[in-house]
Amino acid sequence: VVGYANATLQVWNESTWRKRQNLLGHGTKVSAVIIVDGGSHIVSAGGDRCLKLWDMQKSIIRCSATIRCQSTATALCNPEEGVILSSHVDGRLRTHETRRSQGSQSEIVVRDGAPGMSVKSIALHPRNSNIAAALSSDGQVDLVDLRVGRSVEVLAPHSQRTGEGNVAWAPSGKYVAATAGSMVAIWDAATGVVEKE
């Protein structure tokens, strides 16, 4: 599944590499896409401040639910079945329960929502889905405990970094890496020490 700036998604068949279907429904560009529920659903986020849940179980893929958000989502992940975690340009993370009729939401404010700060990327810990790494527009990474709904540690690079970027965990969960522009920083998640920059 690929999301585009023209507000469409394209679903491709994995075995034939042929396009299966174009999906229309977002009002502006698609900012993030993930596949959930063992491949039976797609969740997409758009610049229109909506998350859409697409049902892939039938021959024609259709939008089965739309969740309205207070801010544009920048990234998505799936900490547990029926729950989507999204990062937003307003500096917040939001959890969405997709099985409820209204798609209930709860908010996590990252670093007390510093003015002008947005969360650019999120990644779940590979061995503990209660911990997420959230890369902010200031180049710092917050380790967020989803059970308590707050940042428990802030990982800061030695030099100031801004720009588009991504965050990822090492498969072991020992290290967190983040990019900002052409720069990369790697931290030991347990100690918060920068291992490489």
N, C-alpha and C. Protein backbone atom coordinates (compact mmCIF):
# COMPACT_ATOMS: atom_id res chain seq x y z
N VAL A 1 0.86 -1.17 0.00
CA VAL A 1 0.00 0.00 0.00
C VAL A 1 0.90 1.23 0.00
N VAL A 2 0.57 2.18 -0.85
CA VAL A 2 1.35 3.42 -0.98
C VAL A 2 0.38 4.60 -0.93
N GLY A 3 0.72 5.62 -0.13
CA GLY A 3 -0.07 6.84 -0.08
C GLY A 3 0.61 7.95 -0.87
N TYR A 4 -0.19 8.81 -1.48
CA TYR A 4 0.35 9.84 -2.37
C TYR A 4 -0.09 11.25 -1.98
N ALA A 5 0.63 12.24 -2.49
CA ALA A 5 0.32 13.64 -2.25
C ALA A 5 -0.99 14.06 -2.92
N ASN A 6 -1.47 13.29 -3.89
CA ASN A 6 -2.73 13.63 -4.57
C ASN A 6 -3.95 13.05 -3.85
N ALA A 7 -3.78 12.68 -2.58
CA ALA A 7 -4.86 12.22 -1.70
C ALA A 7 -5.36 10.81 -2.00
N THR A 8 -4.60 10.03 -2.78
CA THR A 8 -5.01 8.65 -3.08
C THR A 8 -4.06 7.66 -2.43
N LEU A 9 -4.55 6.42 -2.33
CA LEU A 9 -3.72 5.30 -1.94
C LEU A 9 -3.79 4.28 -3.08
N GLN A 10 -2.71 3.53 -3.27
CA GLN A 10 -2.73 2.44 -4.23
C GLN A 10 -2.39 1.16 -3.49
N VAL A 11 -3.18 0.14 -3.73
CA VAL A 11 -2.95 -1.18 -3.14
C VAL A 11 -2.43 -2.08 -4.25
N TRP A 12 -1.31 -2.74 -3.99
CA TRP A 12 -0.67 -3.60 -4.98
C TRP A 12 -0.73 -5.05 -4.52
N ASN A 13 -0.87 -5.95 -5.46
CA ASN A 13 -0.88 -7.38 -5.17
C ASN A 13 0.56 -7.84 -4.98
N GLU A 14 0.84 -8.44 -3.84
CA GLU A 14 2.20 -8.84 -3.49
C GLU A 14 2.75 -9.93 -4.40
N SER A 15 1.92 -10.85 -4.84
CA SER A 15 2.43 -11.97 -5.64
C SER A 15 2.59 -11.63 -7.12
N THR A 16 1.77 -10.71 -7.65
CA THR A 16 1.85 -10.39 -9.07
C THR A 16 2.48 -9.02 -9.34
N TRP A 17 2.60 -8.18 -8.32
CA TRP A 17 3.08 -6.81 -8.43
C TRP A 17 2.22 -5.97 -9.37
N ARG A 18 0.95 -6.32 -9.43
CA ARG A 18 -0.01 -5.51 -10.19
C ARG A 18 -0.87 -4.71 -9.22
N LYS A 19 -1.26 -3.53 -9.70
CA LYS A 19 -2.11 -2.68 -8.87
C LYS A 19 -3.47 -3.34 -8.70
N ARG A 20 -3.90 -3.46 -7.43
CA ARG A 20 -5.19 -4.06 -7.13
C ARG A 20 -6.30 -3.02 -7.19
N GLN A 21 -6.04 -1.84 -6.57
CA GLN A 21 -7.11 -0.84 -6.49
C GLN A 21 -6.55 0.51 -6.07
N ASN A 22 -7.15 1.59 -6.58
CA ASN A 22 -6.93 2.94 -6.08
C ASN A 22 -7.96 3.22 -5.01
N LEU A 23 -7.54 3.83 -3.91
CA LEU A 23 -8.46 4.17 -2.84
C LEU A 23 -8.57 5.69 -2.75
N LEU A 24 -9.80 6.18 -2.80
CA LEU A 24 -10.07 7.62 -2.71
C LEU A 24 -10.86 7.89 -1.44
N GLY A 25 -10.60 9.02 -0.80
CA GLY A 25 -11.38 9.35 0.39
C GLY A 25 -10.78 10.46 1.22
N HIS A 26 -9.45 10.65 1.14
CA HIS A 26 -8.83 11.75 1.87
C HIS A 26 -9.01 13.04 1.08
N GLY A 27 -9.07 14.16 1.80
CA GLY A 27 -9.25 15.45 1.15
C GLY A 27 -7.95 16.07 0.68
N THR A 28 -6.83 15.68 1.28
CA THR A 28 -5.51 16.17 0.90
C THR A 28 -4.52 15.02 0.98
N LYS A 29 -3.24 15.32 0.88
CA LYS A 29 -2.21 14.28 0.77
C LYS A 29 -2.28 13.24 1.89
N VAL A 30 -1.89 12.03 1.55
CA VAL A 30 -1.82 10.93 2.52
C VAL A 30 -0.46 11.03 3.20
N SER A 31 -0.45 11.18 4.52
CA SER A 31 0.80 11.40 5.25
C SER A 31 1.38 10.13 5.87
N ALA A 32 0.56 9.09 6.06
CA ALA A 32 1.05 7.84 6.65
C ALA A 32 0.09 6.70 6.34
N VAL A 33 0.64 5.49 6.24
CA VAL A 33 -0.17 4.29 5.96
C VAL A 33 0.44 3.11 6.71
N ILE A 34 -0.41 2.27 7.32
CA ILE A 34 0.05 1.00 7.88
C ILE A 34 -0.99 -0.07 7.60
N ILE A 35 -0.54 -1.32 7.64
CA ILE A 35 -1.42 -2.48 7.51
C ILE A 35 -1.55 -3.09 8.90
N VAL A 36 -2.79 -3.39 9.32
CA VAL A 36 -3.04 -3.90 10.68
C VAL A 36 -3.92 -5.14 10.63
N ASP A 37 -4.17 -5.70 11.80
CA ASP A 37 -5.07 -6.85 11.97
C ASP A 37 -4.69 -8.01 11.06
N GLY A 38 -3.39 -8.33 11.03
CA GLY A 38 -2.94 -9.46 10.24
C GLY A 38 -3.12 -9.29 8.74
N GLY A 39 -3.15 -8.06 8.28
CA GLY A 39 -3.29 -7.80 6.85
C GLY A 39 -4.71 -7.61 6.38
N SER A 40 -5.67 -7.62 7.30
CA SER A 40 -7.07 -7.50 6.88
C SER A 40 -7.54 -6.05 6.76
N HIS A 41 -6.79 -5.11 7.31
CA HIS A 41 -7.18 -3.70 7.25
C HIS A 41 -5.97 -2.80 6.97
N ILE A 42 -6.25 -1.66 6.37
CA ILE A 42 -5.27 -0.60 6.16
C ILE A 42 -5.75 0.59 6.99
N VAL A 43 -4.82 1.30 7.60
CA VAL A 43 -5.14 2.57 8.24
C VAL A 43 -4.31 3.63 7.53
N SER A 44 -4.96 4.71 7.12
CA SER A 44 -4.26 5.81 6.46
C SER A 44 -4.55 7.10 7.20
N ALA A 45 -3.58 8.01 7.14
CA ALA A 45 -3.73 9.34 7.73
C ALA A 45 -3.54 10.37 6.63
N GLY A 46 -4.34 11.43 6.68
CA GLY A 46 -4.23 12.46 5.65
C GLY A 46 -4.05 13.84 6.24
N GLY A 47 -3.65 14.76 5.38
CA GLY A 47 -3.53 16.16 5.77
C GLY A 47 -4.88 16.78 6.10
N ASP A 48 -5.96 16.04 5.83
CA ASP A 48 -7.31 16.50 6.16
C ASP A 48 -7.69 16.24 7.61
N ARG A 49 -6.70 15.83 8.44
CA ARG A 49 -6.89 15.54 9.87
C ARG A 49 -7.85 14.37 10.09
N CYS A 50 -7.79 13.39 9.21
CA CYS A 50 -8.61 12.18 9.34
C CYS A 50 -7.74 10.94 9.26
N LEU A 51 -8.13 9.93 10.03
CA LEU A 51 -7.61 8.58 9.87
C LEU A 51 -8.73 7.78 9.21
N LYS A 52 -8.37 6.93 8.27
CA LYS A 52 -9.37 6.09 7.61
C LYS A 52 -8.97 4.64 7.78
N LEU A 53 -9.96 3.81 8.11
CA LEU A 53 -9.78 2.37 8.24
C LEU A 53 -10.40 1.72 7.01
N TRP A 54 -9.59 0.98 6.26
CA TRP A 54 -10.00 0.36 5.01
C TRP A 54 -10.07 -1.15 5.20
N ASP A 55 -11.18 -1.76 4.80
CA ASP A 55 -11.41 -3.20 4.94
C ASP A 55 -10.91 -3.91 3.68
N MET A 56 -9.88 -4.74 3.83
CA MET A 56 -9.30 -5.45 2.69
C MET A 56 -9.84 -6.87 2.53
N GLN A 57 -10.83 -7.25 3.31
CA GLN A 57 -11.30 -8.63 3.31
C GLN A 57 -12.23 -8.97 2.15
N LYS A 58 -12.66 -7.98 1.40
CA LYS A 58 -13.54 -8.23 0.26
C LYS A 58 -12.80 -7.89 -1.03
N SER A 59 -13.36 -8.27 -2.15
CA SER A 59 -12.68 -8.01 -3.42
C SER A 59 -12.55 -6.53 -3.72
N ILE A 60 -13.53 -5.73 -3.29
CA ILE A 60 -13.46 -4.28 -3.44
C ILE A 60 -13.16 -3.69 -2.06
N ILE A 61 -12.04 -3.00 -1.93
CA ILE A 61 -11.63 -2.40 -0.65
C ILE A 61 -12.43 -1.13 -0.44
N ARG A 62 -13.03 -1.02 0.75
CA ARG A 62 -13.84 0.16 1.08
C ARG A 62 -13.43 0.72 2.44
N CYS A 63 -13.67 2.02 2.60
CA CYS A 63 -13.43 2.67 3.88
C CYS A 63 -14.55 2.26 4.83
N SER A 64 -14.17 1.66 5.96
CA SER A 64 -15.18 1.20 6.92
C SER A 64 -15.36 2.15 8.09
N ALA A 65 -14.41 3.08 8.29
CA ALA A 65 -14.54 4.05 9.38
C ALA A 65 -13.62 5.24 9.12
N THR A 66 -14.07 6.41 9.54
CA THR A 66 -13.26 7.62 9.49
C THR A 66 -13.17 8.19 10.90
N ILE A 67 -11.96 8.45 11.36
CA ILE A 67 -11.73 9.02 12.68
C ILE A 67 -11.19 10.43 12.48
N ARG A 68 -11.88 11.42 12.98
CA ARG A 68 -11.45 12.81 12.85
C ARG A 68 -10.49 13.14 14.00
N CYS A 69 -9.40 13.83 13.66
CA CYS A 69 -8.39 14.21 14.64
C CYS A 69 -8.33 15.74 14.76
N GLN A 70 -7.75 16.21 15.86
CA GLN A 70 -7.63 17.66 16.06
C GLN A 70 -6.44 18.25 15.32
N SER A 71 -5.58 17.39 14.79
CA SER A 71 -4.36 17.86 14.14
C SER A 71 -3.94 16.81 13.09
N THR A 72 -3.17 17.22 12.11
CA THR A 72 -2.70 16.30 11.07
C THR A 72 -1.74 15.28 11.64
N ALA A 73 -1.98 14.02 11.31
CA ALA A 73 -1.10 12.93 11.75
C ALA A 73 0.12 12.85 10.84
N THR A 74 1.28 12.58 11.44
CA THR A 74 2.53 12.46 10.69
C THR A 74 3.01 11.03 10.56
N ALA A 75 2.61 10.16 11.48
CA ALA A 75 3.04 8.76 11.45
C ALA A 75 2.03 7.91 12.22
N LEU A 76 2.03 6.61 11.93
CA LEU A 76 1.11 5.66 12.56
C LEU A 76 1.85 4.42 12.99
N CYS A 77 1.38 3.77 14.06
CA CYS A 77 1.83 2.43 14.42
C CYS A 77 0.69 1.74 15.15
N ASN A 78 0.87 0.45 15.40
CA ASN A 78 -0.21 -0.40 15.89
C ASN A 78 0.26 -1.15 17.14
N PRO A 79 0.14 -0.53 18.34
CA PRO A 79 0.67 -1.16 19.55
C PRO A 79 -0.06 -2.43 19.98
N GLU A 80 -1.34 -2.54 19.63
CA GLU A 80 -2.10 -3.75 19.93
C GLU A 80 -3.30 -3.80 19.00
N GLU A 81 -3.87 -4.99 18.86
CA GLU A 81 -5.01 -5.14 17.96
C GLU A 81 -6.15 -4.22 18.39
N GLY A 82 -6.71 -3.50 17.42
CA GLY A 82 -7.81 -2.59 17.70
C GLY A 82 -7.39 -1.22 18.18
N VAL A 83 -6.07 -0.97 18.25
CA VAL A 83 -5.57 0.33 18.72
C VAL A 83 -4.54 0.86 17.71
N ILE A 84 -4.68 2.13 17.36
CA ILE A 84 -3.72 2.81 16.49
C ILE A 84 -3.10 3.95 17.30
N LEU A 85 -1.79 4.11 17.18
CA LEU A 85 -1.08 5.23 17.78
C LEU A 85 -0.63 6.14 16.65
N SER A 86 -0.94 7.44 16.78
CA SER A 86 -0.56 8.40 15.75
C SER A 86 0.22 9.55 16.38
N SER A 87 1.19 10.07 15.60
CA SER A 87 1.91 11.28 16.02
C SER A 87 1.36 12.44 15.20
N HIS A 88 1.45 13.67 15.77
CA HIS A 88 0.77 14.81 15.15
C HIS A 88 1.63 16.07 15.13
N VAL A 89 1.25 16.98 14.23
CA VAL A 89 1.98 18.24 14.08
C VAL A 89 1.77 19.17 15.27
N ASP A 90 0.81 18.88 16.14
CA ASP A 90 0.60 19.73 17.32
C ASP A 90 1.41 19.25 18.54
N GLY A 91 2.38 18.33 18.33
CA GLY A 91 3.25 17.88 19.42
C GLY A 91 2.62 16.82 20.31
N ARG A 92 1.58 16.15 19.83
CA ARG A 92 0.90 15.14 20.64
C ARG A 92 0.92 13.78 19.95
N LEU A 93 0.78 12.75 20.78
CA LEU A 93 0.49 11.41 20.30
C LEU A 93 -0.96 11.13 20.65
N ARG A 94 -1.64 10.39 19.81
CA ARG A 94 -3.02 10.03 20.11
C ARG A 94 -3.22 8.54 19.89
N THR A 95 -3.94 7.91 20.82
CA THR A 95 -4.33 6.52 20.62
C THR A 95 -5.79 6.51 20.19
N HIS A 96 -6.10 5.62 19.27
CA HIS A 96 -7.44 5.52 18.70
C HIS A 96 -7.91 4.08 18.81
N GLU A 97 -9.04 3.87 19.46
CA GLU A 97 -9.63 2.53 19.54
C GLU A 97 -10.53 2.36 18.34
N THR A 98 -10.09 1.55 17.39
CA THR A 98 -10.79 1.44 16.11
C THR A 98 -12.03 0.56 16.16
N ARG A 99 -12.22 -0.17 17.21
CA ARG A 99 -13.38 -1.07 17.28
C ARG A 99 -14.62 -0.41 17.84
N ARG A 100 -14.49 0.77 18.39
CA ARG A 100 -15.66 1.49 18.89
C ARG A 100 -16.26 2.29 17.75
N SER A 101 -17.55 2.50 17.79
CA SER A 101 -18.24 3.15 16.68
C SER A 101 -17.72 4.55 16.39
N GLN A 102 -17.30 5.29 17.39
CA GLN A 102 -16.81 6.65 17.18
C GLN A 102 -15.28 6.73 17.14
N GLY A 103 -14.60 5.58 17.25
CA GLY A 103 -13.14 5.62 17.22
C GLY A 103 -12.57 6.46 18.35
N SER A 104 -12.84 6.10 19.60
CA SER A 104 -12.46 6.94 20.74
C SER A 104 -10.96 7.21 20.76
N GLN A 105 -10.59 8.40 21.26
CA GLN A 105 -9.21 8.85 21.26
C GLN A 105 -8.77 9.25 22.66
N SER A 106 -7.47 9.09 22.91
CA SER A 106 -6.87 9.68 24.10
C SER A 106 -5.57 10.34 23.65
N GLU A 107 -5.15 11.36 24.37
CA GLU A 107 -3.98 12.16 24.00
C GLU A 107 -2.83 11.97 24.95
N ILE A 108 -1.63 12.02 24.40
CA ILE A 108 -0.40 12.06 25.19
C ILE A 108 0.34 13.31 24.73
N VAL A 109 0.58 14.23 25.64
CA VAL A 109 1.31 15.45 25.31
C VAL A 109 2.79 15.16 25.46
N VAL A 110 3.54 15.35 24.39
CA VAL A 110 4.98 15.09 24.42
C VAL A 110 5.68 16.36 24.90
N ARG A 111 6.43 16.23 25.99
CA ARG A 111 7.16 17.35 26.60
C ARG A 111 6.30 18.57 26.80
N ASP A 112 5.11 18.37 27.34
CA ASP A 112 4.18 19.45 27.65
C ASP A 112 3.85 20.32 26.45
N GLY A 113 3.93 19.73 25.26
CA GLY A 113 3.52 20.44 24.05
C GLY A 113 4.20 21.78 23.87
N ALA A 114 5.53 21.78 23.87
CA ALA A 114 6.29 23.03 23.68
C ALA A 114 5.78 23.75 22.44
N PRO A 115 5.63 25.07 22.50
CA PRO A 115 5.06 25.83 21.38
C PRO A 115 5.82 25.57 20.07
N GLY A 116 5.06 25.29 19.03
CA GLY A 116 5.63 25.08 17.70
C GLY A 116 6.28 23.73 17.48
N MET A 117 6.30 22.88 18.50
CA MET A 117 6.93 21.57 18.35
C MET A 117 5.95 20.58 17.74
N SER A 118 6.40 19.85 16.74
CA SER A 118 5.58 18.78 16.18
C SER A 118 6.30 17.45 16.35
N VAL A 119 5.54 16.37 16.36
CA VAL A 119 6.13 15.04 16.41
C VAL A 119 6.19 14.54 14.98
N LYS A 120 7.40 14.26 14.49
CA LYS A 120 7.62 13.90 13.09
C LYS A 120 7.49 12.41 12.82
N SER A 121 7.85 11.58 13.80
CA SER A 121 7.89 10.14 13.56
C SER A 121 7.76 9.41 14.90
N ILE A 122 7.20 8.20 14.85
CA ILE A 122 7.10 7.35 16.04
C ILE A 122 7.48 5.93 15.68
N ALA A 123 7.96 5.20 16.67
CA ALA A 123 8.28 3.79 16.48
C ALA A 123 8.07 3.07 17.81
N LEU A 124 7.47 1.91 17.74
CA LEU A 124 7.26 1.10 18.94
C LEU A 124 8.50 0.28 19.26
N HIS A 125 8.77 0.12 20.56
CA HIS A 125 9.86 -0.75 21.01
C HIS A 125 9.59 -2.15 20.46
N PRO A 126 10.60 -2.83 19.91
CA PRO A 126 10.36 -4.14 19.29
C PRO A 126 9.98 -5.25 20.25
N ARG A 127 10.24 -5.06 21.54
CA ARG A 127 9.93 -6.11 22.52
C ARG A 127 8.95 -5.67 23.60
N ASN A 128 8.56 -4.40 23.56
CA ASN A 128 7.64 -3.89 24.56
C ASN A 128 6.76 -2.83 23.90
N SER A 129 5.55 -3.23 23.49
CA SER A 129 4.67 -2.32 22.75
C SER A 129 4.07 -1.22 23.63
N ASN A 130 4.44 -1.17 24.91
CA ASN A 130 4.02 -0.07 25.78
C ASN A 130 4.97 1.11 25.73
N ILE A 131 6.11 0.95 25.03
CA ILE A 131 7.10 2.02 24.94
C ILE A 131 7.23 2.46 23.48
N ALA A 132 7.14 3.77 23.26
CA ALA A 132 7.30 4.32 21.91
C ALA A 132 8.40 5.37 21.93
N ALA A 133 9.11 5.47 20.82
CA ALA A 133 10.08 6.55 20.62
C ALA A 133 9.41 7.57 19.71
N ALA A 134 9.44 8.84 20.09
CA ALA A 134 8.80 9.91 19.32
C ALA A 134 9.83 10.97 18.98
N LEU A 135 10.09 11.15 17.66
CA LEU A 135 11.03 12.16 17.20
C LEU A 135 10.30 13.48 17.01
N SER A 136 10.78 14.52 17.69
CA SER A 136 10.16 15.84 17.59
C SER A 136 10.91 16.73 16.61
N SER A 137 10.28 17.82 16.22
CA SER A 137 10.87 18.73 15.25
C SER A 137 12.14 19.40 15.76
N ASP A 138 12.41 19.34 17.06
CA ASP A 138 13.66 19.91 17.60
C ASP A 138 14.81 18.91 17.56
N GLY A 139 14.59 17.71 16.97
CA GLY A 139 15.65 16.72 16.83
C GLY A 139 15.83 15.82 18.04
N GLN A 140 15.05 16.03 19.10
CA GLN A 140 15.13 15.18 20.28
C GLN A 140 14.13 14.03 20.19
N VAL A 141 14.44 12.94 20.88
CA VAL A 141 13.58 11.76 20.89
C VAL A 141 13.06 11.56 22.31
N ASP A 142 11.74 11.50 22.44
CA ASP A 142 11.11 11.19 23.73
C ASP A 142 10.82 9.71 23.78
N LEU A 143 11.16 9.07 24.88
CA LEU A 143 10.72 7.70 25.14
C LEU A 143 9.43 7.83 25.94
N VAL A 144 8.33 7.35 25.37
CA VAL A 144 7.00 7.55 25.94
C VAL A 144 6.47 6.23 26.45
N ASP A 145 6.04 6.21 27.71
CA ASP A 145 5.39 5.04 28.29
C ASP A 145 3.89 5.19 28.02
N LEU A 146 3.35 4.37 27.16
CA LEU A 146 1.95 4.48 26.76
C LEU A 146 0.99 4.11 27.90
N ARG A 147 1.47 3.33 28.88
CA ARG A 147 0.60 2.96 30.01
C ARG A 147 0.30 4.16 30.88
N VAL A 148 1.29 5.03 31.09
CA VAL A 148 1.08 6.20 31.95
C VAL A 148 0.81 7.46 31.14
N GLY A 149 1.00 7.38 29.82
CA GLY A 149 0.66 8.50 28.95
C GLY A 149 1.57 9.70 29.06
N ARG A 150 2.90 9.45 29.23
CA ARG A 150 3.82 10.59 29.29
C ARG A 150 5.22 10.15 28.90
N SER A 151 6.02 11.16 28.60
CA SER A 151 7.43 10.95 28.27
C SER A 151 8.18 10.59 29.54
N VAL A 152 8.99 9.53 29.50
CA VAL A 152 9.76 9.13 30.67
C VAL A 152 11.24 9.46 30.53
N GLU A 153 11.67 9.78 29.30
CA GLU A 153 13.05 10.18 29.09
C GLU A 153 13.14 10.94 27.77
N VAL A 154 14.03 11.94 27.73
CA VAL A 154 14.27 12.70 26.51
C VAL A 154 15.72 12.45 26.10
N LEU A 155 15.91 11.98 24.86
CA LEU A 155 17.23 11.73 24.31
C LEU A 155 17.59 12.90 23.40
N ALA A 156 18.65 13.60 23.75
CA ALA A 156 19.05 14.79 22.98
C ALA A 156 20.37 14.53 22.27
N PRO A 157 20.47 14.93 20.99
CA PRO A 157 21.74 14.82 20.29
C PRO A 157 22.71 15.89 20.80
N HIS A 158 24.00 15.72 20.50
CA HIS A 158 25.00 16.71 20.91
C HIS A 158 24.79 18.03 20.18
N SER A 159 24.38 17.97 18.91
CA SER A 159 24.20 19.20 18.14
C SER A 159 22.72 19.39 17.81
N GLN A 160 22.33 20.64 17.65
CA GLN A 160 20.94 20.95 17.33
C GLN A 160 20.61 20.45 15.93
N ARG A 161 19.47 19.76 15.79
CA ARG A 161 19.06 19.24 14.49
C ARG A 161 17.61 19.56 14.24
N THR A 162 17.31 19.93 13.04
CA THR A 162 15.93 20.17 12.66
C THR A 162 15.71 19.59 11.27
N GLY A 163 14.48 19.57 10.84
CA GLY A 163 14.15 19.07 9.51
C GLY A 163 13.40 17.76 9.57
N GLU A 164 13.07 17.27 8.40
CA GLU A 164 12.34 16.01 8.32
C GLU A 164 13.22 14.89 8.85
N GLY A 165 12.60 13.89 9.46
CA GLY A 165 13.38 12.79 9.99
C GLY A 165 12.53 11.61 10.36
N ASN A 166 13.19 10.56 10.79
CA ASN A 166 12.53 9.33 11.23
C ASN A 166 13.23 8.80 12.47
N VAL A 167 12.51 7.97 13.21
CA VAL A 167 13.07 7.32 14.39
C VAL A 167 12.84 5.82 14.26
N ALA A 168 13.79 5.03 14.77
CA ALA A 168 13.68 3.57 14.70
C ALA A 168 14.42 2.95 15.87
N TRP A 169 13.98 1.76 16.25
CA TRP A 169 14.64 0.97 17.29
C TRP A 169 15.52 -0.09 16.63
N ALA A 170 16.62 -0.44 17.28
CA ALA A 170 17.38 -1.63 16.88
C ALA A 170 16.51 -2.84 17.21
N PRO A 171 16.63 -3.93 16.47
CA PRO A 171 15.79 -5.12 16.75
C PRO A 171 15.88 -5.62 18.19
N SER A 172 17.01 -5.39 18.85
CA SER A 172 17.17 -5.81 20.25
C SER A 172 16.43 -4.89 21.22
N GLY A 173 16.11 -3.66 20.78
CA GLY A 173 15.51 -2.68 21.67
C GLY A 173 16.52 -1.93 22.51
N LYS A 174 17.80 -2.24 22.33
CA LYS A 174 18.85 -1.59 23.13
C LYS A 174 19.14 -0.18 22.64
N TYR A 175 19.03 0.05 21.34
CA TYR A 175 19.39 1.34 20.77
C TYR A 175 18.21 1.99 20.05
N VAL A 176 18.23 3.33 20.04
CA VAL A 176 17.27 4.13 19.28
C VAL A 176 18.09 4.99 18.32
N ALA A 177 17.65 5.06 17.07
CA ALA A 177 18.32 5.90 16.08
C ALA A 177 17.33 6.90 15.52
N ALA A 178 17.82 8.11 15.24
CA ALA A 178 16.96 9.14 14.65
C ALA A 178 17.74 9.90 13.60
N THR A 179 17.04 10.28 12.53
CA THR A 179 17.64 11.11 11.49
C THR A 179 16.97 12.48 11.53
N ALA A 180 17.72 13.47 11.13
CA ALA A 180 17.19 14.82 10.92
C ALA A 180 18.00 15.39 9.77
N GLY A 181 17.35 15.59 8.63
CA GLY A 181 18.08 15.98 7.44
C GLY A 181 19.05 14.88 7.07
N SER A 182 20.34 15.19 6.95
CA SER A 182 21.35 14.17 6.60
C SER A 182 22.10 13.65 7.81
N MET A 183 21.72 14.07 9.01
CA MET A 183 22.42 13.66 10.23
C MET A 183 21.72 12.48 10.90
N VAL A 184 22.51 11.63 11.58
CA VAL A 184 21.98 10.47 12.31
C VAL A 184 22.55 10.49 13.72
N ALA A 185 21.70 10.18 14.69
CA ALA A 185 22.16 10.01 16.08
C ALA A 185 21.66 8.67 16.57
N ILE A 186 22.49 7.97 17.34
CA ILE A 186 22.13 6.67 17.93
C ILE A 186 22.38 6.75 19.42
N TRP A 187 21.36 6.37 20.21
CA TRP A 187 21.46 6.41 21.66
C TRP A 187 21.33 5.01 22.24
N ASP A 188 21.97 4.79 23.38
CA ASP A 188 21.68 3.62 24.21
C ASP A 188 20.40 3.96 24.95
N ALA A 189 19.33 3.21 24.72
CA ALA A 189 18.03 3.55 25.28
C ALA A 189 18.00 3.44 26.80
N ALA A 190 18.81 2.57 27.38
CA ALA A 190 18.82 2.38 28.83
C ALA A 190 19.52 3.52 29.54
N THR A 191 20.61 4.03 28.98
CA THR A 191 21.41 5.06 29.65
C THR A 191 21.14 6.47 29.11
N GLY A 192 20.60 6.56 27.90
CA GLY A 192 20.39 7.86 27.27
C GLY A 192 21.65 8.47 26.68
N VAL A 193 22.75 7.71 26.67
CA VAL A 193 24.03 8.19 26.15
C VAL A 193 24.05 8.10 24.63
N VAL A 194 24.56 9.17 23.98
CA VAL A 194 24.71 9.15 22.53
C VAL A 194 25.88 8.23 22.19
N GLU A 195 25.61 7.18 21.44
CA GLU A 195 26.65 6.21 21.06
C GLU A 195 27.35 6.63 19.78
N LYS A 196 26.61 7.25 18.86
CA LYS A 196 27.18 7.66 17.58
C LYS A 196 26.42 8.86 17.07
N GLU A 197 27.13 9.80 16.48
CA GLU A 197 26.47 10.98 15.90
C GLU A 197 27.28 11.42 14.69
